[in-house]
Amino acid sequence: MKKIEQSFIGSCLIDQDLIGLVSVKPDHFSDKLCSHVWRTMLAGYSDPVSVCREIGSEHEQAISDMIGQAYTSAAEKHGREIIEAHRKRVFMSALVLAHKKLKSGESVDASLTGLITAADSECDSEYRPVVDLIVDAYNDMRSRHEGTDDNRFMPSGYPDLDFLTGGLERGSLVTVAGRVSMGKTAFAMGMCQRVAESNAVCFSSIEMDNQSVAYRLMASISRMDLKLLRTGAVISNSAWEGAAKSVDTIKKLNFYIDDNPKRSASQIAAQARRHHAKKGLDLLMVDYLGLLDPESTKSLPRHLQVGEMTRIFKTLAKQLNCCVMLLCQLNREADGKRPTLAHLRESGSIEQDSDVIMLPYRYKDESNNDRAIVIVAKNRNGPTGDAPMAWVGSSASYESLAREDF
């Protein structure tokens, strides 16, 4: 590899136009002198005389040898080989580190996440002209206006909510947070159910088992009393028909559920990657953050543990170009009050890493006990505000409510 590195630099010293042909960085070189010379060339000293003057006359012979090994027609090929060799070295180092982590007691999936991060960190990227970005944004705006967009946003199934957010955006981390009994799981499941009609959805249910999730889906779709479904106390033929129809509807959904109660964020991420590779994945829902196992066996403060989790899910959303919906609880200070971002529990990283934060809130007074709102408390790329909803207590579901009726 040293000869290839020397030949590449020699070629670029002869023909300075080759310098920008491949995005080689100083750290990509295995040879220290080659790295030093390349850093000097990138700083603007690109001819042999200037390079020797900057790095010292004692290296004149080495520079001369590099020029002697130059093969300008192969410079681009050599540049790519240098980058690939560096990526392999980085990945091998990550493998060694992962092996050490495994021996120290960390999970396989946590080590795997480290390897994937190491590989992704070496993916090359380039600056893009701002005019290209503006054209992309304009075309996106036109296609969304005309209804011919490329499916970057998935309708949540709640029009008033989509009025604020535009829908569930691929590559984004969406947090749904609420106090106990506010129906955050019911609301999030309602979105999953609607999205799964035309997109692939996975639900990691740490809190509820598969059967409980199934009953909730049946109740939401059939509009039947959840308690009657769970106890089997269906009292009429029409009710049985409604239950049967809900089963037929659920069969058509592209919806997968895992109820393993012992999961870490990296384990869920690894599972999501496998599913994405086999069957595709557009929306991942995780219920909920507070029940996830920590990534490390080390005794870290809870806010640091939560920070690790949210970063894993944020990265996953970008890597798979899917929406990740993370459920979490608000602290006790939100009891009986309109919730705000200040009520988020455990870590500021939830607010920092989330692109959108939704706070479902049900009114508890008798005159409004069937009314609710979903507060869009954070929206990185749009407005915040309230989306009016109806709360159907019997089926434990959120339903759309026209603004004029609110």
Foldseek 3Di string as FASTA:
>chain_A
DVLLLLQLLLLCQVPVVCLPVAPAALLLDPDNVSSVLNVQVVVPQRHLVSSCVVVHVVCNVVSVVSNVSHDNVCNNVSRVVSLVVSLVVQLVVLVVVLVVQVVVPFDNLLSVLSSVVSNVVSDDDDDDPVVVVVVVVVVQVVCVVVVNHPPQFQAQQFVLVCVFFVHFGFLFEEEEEEAPPLLSVQANVSSLLVSQLPFAEEEEALPDDPVLSVLLQLCVQLVAFSVCSVVVVDPDPVSVVSSVVSVVSVVNGNYHYDHPNAAALSRVLVVVVVCCVPPRHAEYEYPALVSYDFRHPDDDAQQVSSLVNLVSQSVSSNVRRHYYYHYDYFDPVCVPHDDAPVRGPRYPSVVVRGQWYWYKGADDDPVGRQKIWIWGRHHNPGDTGIAIWTASVRSSHIHHDDPVVD
